[in-house]
């Protein structure tokens, strides 16, 4: 979406509505974001599995909805940062799965975050399979090139 340059990078100042979700009051955003940052640094957060850390972080940030626009993108970036810092590839949430994504978020809004965590774990597994398939294909291509040109002395050892 298009964001007014004055609002970009600032917490929202007005109440907004996101589908059926009514985010917290704008007057509570600063406090909720401070709580969120404390939670990210807490022992309870650090004891979670990295995929759970990423999923719950994503959900909490989307729930607070601290910005006028870009909350989902920001949440997905932070989720992927957490995953990559823990050795996981960034998660791909496919456009054709948006309804599953939003349904899982809605269930979390209603008090059950488990379907959202399972959905992110599923996306993580699917993304890893995409990367592994790409690596396997790339390795096969390299082997085919080596078989085609066995006399080349400038090959990089694998």
N, C-alpha and C. Protein backbone atom coordinates (compact mmCIF):
# COMPACT_ATOMS: atom_id res chain seq x y z
N UNK A 1 0.80 -1.18 0.00
CA UNK A 1 0.00 0.00 0.00
C UNK A 1 0.85 1.26 0.00
N UNK A 2 0.18 2.36 -0.16
CA UNK A 2 0.86 3.66 -0.16
C UNK A 2 0.76 4.26 1.24
N UNK A 3 1.89 4.67 1.78
CA UNK A 3 1.91 5.28 3.10
C UNK A 3 2.36 6.72 2.98
N UNK A 4 1.66 7.57 3.67
CA UNK A 4 2.05 8.98 3.75
C UNK A 4 3.46 9.04 4.35
N UNK A 5 4.39 9.73 3.71
CA UNK A 5 5.76 9.81 4.22
C UNK A 5 5.86 10.30 5.66
N UNK A 6 4.89 11.08 6.10
CA UNK A 6 4.89 11.57 7.48
C UNK A 6 4.59 10.42 8.44
N UNK A 7 3.75 9.46 8.02
CA UNK A 7 3.38 8.34 8.88
C UNK A 7 4.38 7.19 8.81
N UNK A 8 5.15 7.12 7.74
CA UNK A 8 6.08 6.01 7.55
C UNK A 8 7.08 5.95 8.70
N UNK A 9 7.23 4.76 9.27
CA UNK A 9 8.19 4.56 10.34
C UNK A 9 7.71 5.02 11.71
N UNK A 10 6.47 5.46 11.79
CA UNK A 10 5.90 5.91 13.07
C UNK A 10 4.75 5.01 13.46
N UNK A 11 4.54 4.89 14.77
CA UNK A 11 3.39 4.14 15.23
C UNK A 11 2.11 4.88 14.85
N UNK A 12 1.06 4.11 14.62
CA UNK A 12 -0.20 4.72 14.21
C UNK A 12 -0.78 5.57 15.34
N UNK A 13 -1.52 6.58 14.94
CA UNK A 13 -2.11 7.52 15.89
C UNK A 13 -3.63 7.38 15.97
N UNK A 14 -4.19 6.52 15.12
CA UNK A 14 -5.65 6.38 15.06
C UNK A 14 -6.05 4.92 15.18
N UNK A 15 -7.31 4.72 15.54
CA UNK A 15 -7.84 3.36 15.58
C UNK A 15 -8.05 2.89 14.15
N UNK A 16 -7.68 1.64 13.89
CA UNK A 16 -7.88 1.06 12.56
C UNK A 16 -8.63 -0.25 12.71
N UNK A 17 -9.13 -0.75 11.59
CA UNK A 17 -9.85 -2.01 11.55
C UNK A 17 -9.26 -2.84 10.43
N UNK A 18 -8.99 -4.10 10.72
CA UNK A 18 -8.36 -4.99 9.74
C UNK A 18 -9.26 -6.21 9.59
N UNK A 19 -10.14 -6.17 8.60
CA UNK A 19 -11.10 -7.26 8.44
C UNK A 19 -11.95 -7.36 9.70
N UNK A 20 -12.01 -8.57 10.27
CA UNK A 20 -12.77 -8.78 11.51
C UNK A 20 -11.94 -8.44 12.75
N UNK A 21 -10.65 -8.20 12.57
CA UNK A 21 -9.76 -7.92 13.70
C UNK A 21 -9.77 -6.43 14.03
N UNK A 22 -10.01 -6.14 15.30
CA UNK A 22 -9.91 -4.75 15.77
C UNK A 22 -8.65 -4.68 16.63
N UNK A 23 -7.58 -4.10 16.08
CA UNK A 23 -6.33 -4.00 16.83
C UNK A 23 -6.49 -3.16 18.09
N UNK A 24 -5.53 -3.27 19.01
CA UNK A 24 -5.58 -2.45 20.23
C UNK A 24 -5.66 -0.96 19.89
N UNK A 25 -6.10 -0.20 20.86
CA UNK A 25 -6.19 1.25 20.69
C UNK A 25 -4.82 1.84 20.36
N UNK A 26 -4.82 2.88 19.55
CA UNK A 26 -3.57 3.55 19.18
C UNK A 26 -2.83 4.04 20.43
N UNK A 27 -3.56 4.45 21.44
CA UNK A 27 -2.93 4.95 22.67
C UNK A 27 -2.19 3.85 23.43
N UNK A 28 -2.47 2.58 23.12
CA UNK A 28 -1.80 1.45 23.79
C UNK A 28 -0.60 0.91 23.01
N UNK A 29 -0.41 1.37 21.78
CA UNK A 29 0.60 0.78 20.90
C UNK A 29 2.02 0.90 21.47
N UNK A 30 2.40 2.05 21.96
CA UNK A 30 3.77 2.22 22.48
C UNK A 30 4.02 1.24 23.63
N UNK A 31 3.09 1.17 24.57
CA UNK A 31 3.23 0.25 25.69
C UNK A 31 3.30 -1.20 25.21
N UNK A 32 2.41 -1.58 24.29
CA UNK A 32 2.39 -2.96 23.78
C UNK A 32 3.67 -3.30 23.04
N UNK A 33 4.22 -2.34 22.30
CA UNK A 33 5.48 -2.59 21.60
C UNK A 33 6.64 -2.71 22.58
N UNK A 34 6.63 -1.94 23.65
CA UNK A 34 7.66 -2.09 24.68
C UNK A 34 7.57 -3.47 25.33
N UNK A 35 6.35 -3.92 25.62
CA UNK A 35 6.13 -5.26 26.17
C UNK A 35 6.62 -6.33 25.19
N UNK A 36 6.33 -6.12 23.92
CA UNK A 36 6.73 -7.05 22.85
C UNK A 36 8.26 -7.18 22.81
N UNK A 37 8.97 -6.07 22.86
CA UNK A 37 10.43 -6.09 22.83
C UNK A 37 10.98 -6.79 24.08
N UNK A 38 10.38 -6.53 25.23
CA UNK A 38 10.79 -7.23 26.46
C UNK A 38 10.60 -8.73 26.31
N UNK A 39 9.47 -9.13 25.73
CA UNK A 39 9.19 -10.56 25.53
C UNK A 39 10.24 -11.18 24.60
N UNK A 40 10.62 -10.46 23.54
CA UNK A 40 11.63 -10.97 22.61
C UNK A 40 12.97 -11.23 23.29
N UNK A 41 13.22 -10.56 24.40
CA UNK A 41 14.47 -10.71 25.13
C UNK A 41 14.33 -11.60 26.36
N UNK A 42 13.15 -12.16 26.57
CA UNK A 42 12.87 -12.92 27.78
C UNK A 42 13.37 -14.36 27.70
N UNK A 43 13.53 -14.96 28.87
CA UNK A 43 13.94 -16.36 28.97
C UNK A 43 12.88 -17.27 28.34
N UNK A 44 11.60 -16.94 28.57
CA UNK A 44 10.53 -17.78 28.02
C UNK A 44 10.57 -17.80 26.49
N UNK A 45 10.90 -16.66 25.87
CA UNK A 45 11.03 -16.61 24.41
C UNK A 45 12.21 -17.47 23.96
N UNK A 46 13.35 -17.28 24.62
CA UNK A 46 14.57 -17.98 24.20
C UNK A 46 14.47 -19.49 24.38
N UNK A 47 13.58 -19.96 25.25
CA UNK A 47 13.41 -21.39 25.46
C UNK A 47 12.51 -22.05 24.42
N UNK A 48 11.83 -21.25 23.61
CA UNK A 48 10.95 -21.81 22.58
C UNK A 48 11.76 -22.34 21.41
N UNK A 49 11.19 -23.30 20.69
CA UNK A 49 11.79 -23.78 19.44
C UNK A 49 11.80 -22.59 18.47
N UNK A 50 12.84 -22.47 17.62
CA UNK A 50 12.94 -21.33 16.71
C UNK A 50 11.71 -21.12 15.81
N UNK A 51 11.08 -22.19 15.36
CA UNK A 51 9.89 -22.03 14.51
C UNK A 51 8.74 -21.44 15.34
N UNK A 52 8.63 -21.88 16.59
CA UNK A 52 7.62 -21.32 17.48
C UNK A 52 7.93 -19.86 17.79
N UNK A 53 9.21 -19.55 18.04
CA UNK A 53 9.61 -18.16 18.26
C UNK A 53 9.15 -17.29 17.10
N UNK A 54 9.45 -17.76 15.89
CA UNK A 54 9.16 -16.99 14.69
C UNK A 54 7.65 -16.81 14.50
N UNK A 55 6.89 -17.89 14.68
CA UNK A 55 5.44 -17.82 14.47
C UNK A 55 4.76 -16.91 15.49
N UNK A 56 5.12 -17.07 16.75
CA UNK A 56 4.48 -16.25 17.79
C UNK A 56 4.88 -14.79 17.64
N UNK A 57 6.14 -14.54 17.29
CA UNK A 57 6.60 -13.17 17.05
C UNK A 57 5.78 -12.54 15.93
N UNK A 58 5.63 -13.28 14.85
CA UNK A 58 4.84 -12.80 13.71
C UNK A 58 3.43 -12.45 14.16
N UNK A 59 2.81 -13.38 14.89
CA UNK A 59 1.43 -13.15 15.32
C UNK A 59 1.32 -11.92 16.23
N UNK A 60 2.19 -11.83 17.22
CA UNK A 60 2.10 -10.71 18.16
C UNK A 60 2.23 -9.36 17.45
N UNK A 61 3.15 -9.29 16.49
CA UNK A 61 3.35 -8.03 15.78
C UNK A 61 2.14 -7.68 14.91
N UNK A 62 1.56 -8.68 14.27
CA UNK A 62 0.36 -8.44 13.46
C UNK A 62 -0.83 -8.08 14.35
N UNK A 63 -0.91 -8.73 15.51
CA UNK A 63 -2.01 -8.45 16.44
C UNK A 63 -1.98 -6.99 16.91
N UNK A 64 -0.80 -6.52 17.32
CA UNK A 64 -0.66 -5.14 17.79
C UNK A 64 -0.96 -4.16 16.66
N UNK A 65 -0.53 -4.51 15.46
CA UNK A 65 -0.78 -3.69 14.27
C UNK A 65 -0.35 -2.24 14.53
N UNK A 66 0.94 -2.10 14.81
CA UNK A 66 1.46 -0.82 15.29
C UNK A 66 1.60 0.26 14.22
N UNK A 67 1.54 -0.13 12.95
CA UNK A 67 1.73 0.84 11.87
C UNK A 67 0.44 1.01 11.07
N UNK A 68 0.36 2.10 10.32
CA UNK A 68 -0.79 2.33 9.45
C UNK A 68 -0.80 1.30 8.33
N UNK A 69 0.37 0.96 7.81
CA UNK A 69 0.49 0.01 6.70
C UNK A 69 1.80 -0.77 6.86
N UNK A 70 1.85 -1.95 6.27
CA UNK A 70 3.08 -2.73 6.26
C UNK A 70 3.27 -3.64 7.45
N UNK A 71 2.23 -3.84 8.25
CA UNK A 71 2.36 -4.68 9.44
C UNK A 71 2.65 -6.14 9.10
N UNK A 72 1.94 -6.68 8.12
CA UNK A 72 2.17 -8.07 7.71
C UNK A 72 3.56 -8.26 7.14
N UNK A 73 3.98 -7.33 6.28
CA UNK A 73 5.33 -7.43 5.69
C UNK A 73 6.40 -7.34 6.77
N UNK A 74 6.20 -6.42 7.73
CA UNK A 74 7.17 -6.26 8.81
C UNK A 74 7.21 -7.53 9.66
N UNK A 75 6.05 -8.09 9.95
CA UNK A 75 5.98 -9.32 10.76
C UNK A 75 6.66 -10.48 10.04
N UNK A 76 6.45 -10.59 8.73
CA UNK A 76 7.09 -11.68 7.98
C UNK A 76 8.61 -11.49 7.92
N UNK A 77 9.06 -10.25 7.79
CA UNK A 77 10.51 -9.98 7.81
C UNK A 77 11.13 -10.37 9.15
N UNK A 78 10.49 -9.99 10.24
CA UNK A 78 11.02 -10.32 11.57
C UNK A 78 10.97 -11.83 11.80
N UNK A 79 9.89 -12.48 11.37
CA UNK A 79 9.78 -13.93 11.47
C UNK A 79 10.95 -14.60 10.74
N UNK A 80 11.22 -14.15 9.52
CA UNK A 80 12.30 -14.75 8.73
C UNK A 80 13.68 -14.43 9.30
N UNK A 81 13.84 -13.27 9.90
CA UNK A 81 15.11 -12.95 10.56
C UNK A 81 15.37 -13.94 11.70
N UNK A 82 14.35 -14.20 12.50
CA UNK A 82 14.49 -15.16 13.61
C UNK A 82 14.83 -16.54 13.07
N UNK A 83 14.14 -16.96 12.02
CA UNK A 83 14.42 -18.28 11.44
C UNK A 83 15.85 -18.36 10.92
N UNK A 84 16.27 -17.36 10.16
CA UNK A 84 17.61 -17.40 9.56
C UNK A 84 18.70 -17.32 10.62
N UNK A 85 18.48 -16.56 11.69
CA UNK A 85 19.46 -16.50 12.78
C UNK A 85 19.62 -17.87 13.45
N UNK A 86 18.62 -18.72 13.30
CA UNK A 86 18.65 -20.05 13.91
C UNK A 86 18.94 -21.15 12.89
N UNK A 87 19.41 -20.77 11.70
CA UNK A 87 19.82 -21.75 10.70
C UNK A 87 18.72 -22.27 9.80
N UNK A 88 17.55 -21.66 9.85
CA UNK A 88 16.44 -22.07 8.99
C UNK A 88 16.37 -21.15 7.78
N UNK A 89 15.85 -21.65 6.68
CA UNK A 89 15.66 -20.74 5.54
C UNK A 89 14.45 -19.84 5.80
N UNK A 90 14.39 -18.70 5.11
CA UNK A 90 13.20 -17.86 5.26
C UNK A 90 11.97 -18.59 4.74
N UNK A 91 10.86 -18.38 5.41
CA UNK A 91 9.60 -19.05 5.05
C UNK A 91 8.95 -18.33 3.87
N UNK A 92 8.45 -19.12 2.96
CA UNK A 92 7.66 -18.60 1.85
C UNK A 92 6.19 -18.85 2.18
N UNK A 93 5.40 -17.78 2.25
CA UNK A 93 3.95 -17.92 2.42
C UNK A 93 3.36 -17.63 1.05
N UNK A 94 2.90 -18.69 0.40
CA UNK A 94 2.46 -18.57 -0.99
C UNK A 94 1.16 -17.78 -1.09
N UNK A 95 1.08 -17.00 -2.15
CA UNK A 95 -0.09 -16.15 -2.38
C UNK A 95 -1.38 -16.99 -2.44
N UNK A 96 -1.29 -18.17 -3.06
CA UNK A 96 -2.49 -19.00 -3.18
C UNK A 96 -2.93 -19.60 -1.83
N UNK A 97 -2.09 -19.47 -0.80
CA UNK A 97 -2.44 -19.98 0.53
C UNK A 97 -2.87 -18.86 1.48
N UNK A 98 -3.15 -17.69 0.94
CA UNK A 98 -3.51 -16.54 1.79
C UNK A 98 -4.70 -16.82 2.68
N UNK A 99 -5.70 -17.54 2.15
CA UNK A 99 -6.89 -17.79 2.97
C UNK A 99 -6.55 -18.68 4.17
N UNK A 100 -5.67 -19.65 3.98
CA UNK A 100 -5.24 -20.50 5.10
C UNK A 100 -4.51 -19.64 6.13
N UNK A 101 -3.63 -18.78 5.64
CA UNK A 101 -2.86 -17.86 6.50
C UNK A 101 -3.80 -16.98 7.32
N UNK A 102 -4.77 -16.35 6.66
CA UNK A 102 -5.69 -15.45 7.37
C UNK A 102 -6.62 -16.22 8.31
N UNK A 103 -7.04 -17.43 7.92
CA UNK A 103 -7.86 -18.24 8.82
C UNK A 103 -7.10 -18.61 10.08
N UNK A 104 -5.82 -18.98 9.92
CA UNK A 104 -4.99 -19.32 11.08
C UNK A 104 -4.79 -18.10 11.98
N UNK A 105 -4.59 -16.93 11.38
CA UNK A 105 -4.48 -15.69 12.17
C UNK A 105 -5.79 -15.41 12.92
N UNK A 106 -6.91 -15.64 12.26
CA UNK A 106 -8.21 -15.40 12.90
C UNK A 106 -8.39 -16.33 14.11
N UNK A 107 -8.01 -17.60 13.96
CA UNK A 107 -8.10 -18.54 15.09
C UNK A 107 -7.22 -18.06 16.25
N UNK A 108 -6.05 -17.54 15.92
CA UNK A 108 -5.17 -17.00 16.96
C UNK A 108 -5.83 -15.80 17.65
N UNK A 109 -6.48 -14.95 16.87
CA UNK A 109 -7.19 -13.80 17.44
C UNK A 109 -8.30 -14.25 18.38
N UNK A 110 -8.85 -15.44 18.11
CA UNK A 110 -9.94 -15.98 18.94
C UNK A 110 -9.40 -16.75 20.14
N UNK A 111 -8.06 -16.82 20.26
CA UNK A 111 -7.48 -17.43 21.45
C UNK A 111 -6.69 -18.71 21.25
N UNK A 112 -6.69 -19.27 20.04
CA UNK A 112 -5.94 -20.51 19.80
C UNK A 112 -4.85 -20.26 18.76
N UNK A 113 -3.64 -20.05 19.23
CA UNK A 113 -2.53 -19.75 18.33
C UNK A 113 -1.93 -21.01 17.70
N UNK A 114 -2.30 -22.19 18.21
CA UNK A 114 -1.69 -23.44 17.72
C UNK A 114 -1.85 -23.65 16.22
N UNK A 115 -3.02 -23.40 15.61
CA UNK A 115 -3.11 -23.58 14.15
C UNK A 115 -2.16 -22.66 13.39
N UNK A 116 -1.93 -21.44 13.91
CA UNK A 116 -1.00 -20.53 13.24
C UNK A 116 0.43 -21.05 13.34
N UNK A 117 0.80 -21.54 14.51
CA UNK A 117 2.15 -22.11 14.69
C UNK A 117 2.32 -23.30 13.76
N UNK A 118 1.31 -24.17 13.70
CA UNK A 118 1.39 -25.34 12.80
C UNK A 118 1.49 -24.91 11.34
N UNK A 119 0.75 -23.86 10.97
CA UNK A 119 0.80 -23.37 9.60
C UNK A 119 2.20 -22.86 9.26
N UNK A 120 2.80 -22.08 10.14
CA UNK A 120 4.16 -21.56 9.90
C UNK A 120 5.15 -22.72 9.85
N UNK A 121 4.99 -23.71 10.72
CA UNK A 121 5.87 -24.89 10.69
C UNK A 121 5.72 -25.62 9.36
N UNK A 122 4.48 -25.75 8.89
CA UNK A 122 4.24 -26.40 7.59
C UNK A 122 4.91 -25.61 6.46
N UNK A 123 4.75 -24.29 6.49
CA UNK A 123 5.39 -23.44 5.46
C UNK A 123 6.91 -23.57 5.52
N UNK A 124 7.45 -23.67 6.73
CA UNK A 124 8.89 -23.82 6.90
C UNK A 124 9.37 -25.13 6.27
N UNK A 125 8.62 -26.19 6.51
CA UNK A 125 8.97 -27.50 5.93
C UNK A 125 8.87 -27.46 4.40
N UNK A 126 7.80 -26.87 3.89
CA UNK A 126 7.63 -26.78 2.43
C UNK A 126 8.73 -25.95 1.79
N UNK A 127 9.08 -24.83 2.44
CA UNK A 127 10.14 -23.97 1.92
C UNK A 127 11.47 -24.71 1.91
N UNK A 128 11.76 -25.43 2.98
CA UNK A 128 13.00 -26.21 3.05
C UNK A 128 13.04 -27.23 1.92
N UNK A 129 11.91 -27.87 1.64
CA UNK A 129 11.86 -28.83 0.53
C UNK A 129 12.12 -28.17 -0.82
N UNK A 130 11.61 -26.95 -1.00
CA UNK A 130 11.87 -26.21 -2.24
C UNK A 130 13.37 -25.96 -2.40
N UNK A 131 14.02 -25.51 -1.31
CA UNK A 131 15.46 -25.24 -1.36
C UNK A 131 16.25 -26.53 -1.60
N UNK A 132 15.86 -27.60 -0.91
CA UNK A 132 16.57 -28.87 -1.08
C UNK A 132 16.43 -29.39 -2.51
N UNK A 133 15.23 -29.25 -3.07
CA UNK A 133 15.01 -29.67 -4.45
C UNK A 133 15.90 -28.85 -5.39
N UNK A 134 15.99 -27.56 -5.15
CA UNK A 134 16.84 -26.70 -5.97
C UNK A 134 18.31 -27.09 -5.87
N UNK A 135 18.76 -27.41 -4.66
CA UNK A 135 20.15 -27.85 -4.47
C UNK A 135 20.40 -29.16 -5.19
N UNK A 136 19.45 -30.08 -5.08
CA UNK A 136 19.59 -31.38 -5.74
C UNK A 136 19.66 -31.20 -7.26
N UNK A 137 18.80 -30.35 -7.79
CA UNK A 137 18.80 -30.09 -9.22
C UNK A 137 20.12 -29.45 -9.65
N UNK A 138 20.59 -28.48 -8.87
CA UNK A 138 21.85 -27.83 -9.17
C UNK A 138 23.02 -28.80 -9.16
N UNK A 139 23.02 -29.72 -8.20
CA UNK A 139 24.09 -30.73 -8.13
C UNK A 139 24.06 -31.63 -9.35
N UNK A 140 22.86 -32.01 -9.78
CA UNK A 140 22.73 -32.85 -10.98
C UNK A 140 23.25 -32.12 -12.22
N UNK A 141 22.95 -30.84 -12.32
CA UNK A 141 23.44 -30.04 -13.45
C UNK A 141 24.96 -29.97 -13.45
N UNK A 142 25.55 -29.76 -12.28
CA UNK A 142 27.01 -29.72 -12.19
C UNK A 142 27.63 -31.05 -12.59
N UNK A 143 27.02 -32.14 -12.14
CA UNK A 143 27.55 -33.46 -12.50
C UNK A 143 27.44 -33.69 -14.00
N UNK A 144 26.34 -33.26 -14.60
CA UNK A 144 26.17 -33.41 -16.04
C UNK A 144 27.23 -32.61 -16.79
N UNK A 145 27.54 -31.41 -16.32
CA UNK A 145 28.58 -30.59 -16.95
C UNK A 145 29.95 -31.25 -16.83
N UNK A 146 30.23 -31.84 -15.68
CA UNK A 146 31.51 -32.52 -15.48
C UNK A 146 31.63 -33.73 -16.40
N UNK A 147 30.53 -34.45 -16.57
CA UNK A 147 30.56 -35.62 -17.46
C UNK A 147 30.75 -35.20 -18.90
N UNK A 148 30.18 -34.06 -19.26
CA UNK A 148 30.28 -33.55 -20.61
C UNK A 148 31.69 -33.05 -20.92
N UNK A 149 32.35 -32.48 -19.94
CA UNK A 149 33.68 -31.87 -20.12
C UNK A 149 34.67 -32.42 -19.10
N UNK A 150 34.99 -33.71 -19.15
CA UNK A 150 35.88 -34.29 -18.14
C UNK A 150 37.31 -33.78 -18.22
N UNK A 151 37.73 -33.24 -19.36
CA UNK A 151 39.12 -32.79 -19.52
C UNK A 151 39.36 -31.40 -18.94
N UNK A 152 38.32 -30.70 -18.55
CA UNK A 152 38.51 -29.35 -18.01
C UNK A 152 39.25 -29.43 -16.68
N UNK A 153 40.30 -28.67 -16.58
CA UNK A 153 41.10 -28.69 -15.36
C UNK A 153 40.76 -27.56 -14.41
N UNK A 154 39.81 -26.73 -14.78
CA UNK A 154 39.49 -25.58 -13.94
C UNK A 154 38.24 -25.81 -13.09
N UNK A 155 37.92 -27.07 -12.86
CA UNK A 155 36.75 -27.38 -12.05
C UNK A 155 36.99 -27.02 -10.59
N UNK A 156 35.95 -26.62 -9.96
CA UNK A 156 36.02 -26.32 -8.53
C UNK A 156 35.65 -27.60 -7.79
N UNK A 157 36.53 -28.08 -6.91
CA UNK A 157 36.21 -29.31 -6.18
C UNK A 157 35.04 -29.06 -5.24
N UNK A 158 34.13 -30.03 -5.18
CA UNK A 158 32.97 -29.91 -4.28
C UNK A 158 33.23 -30.63 -2.99
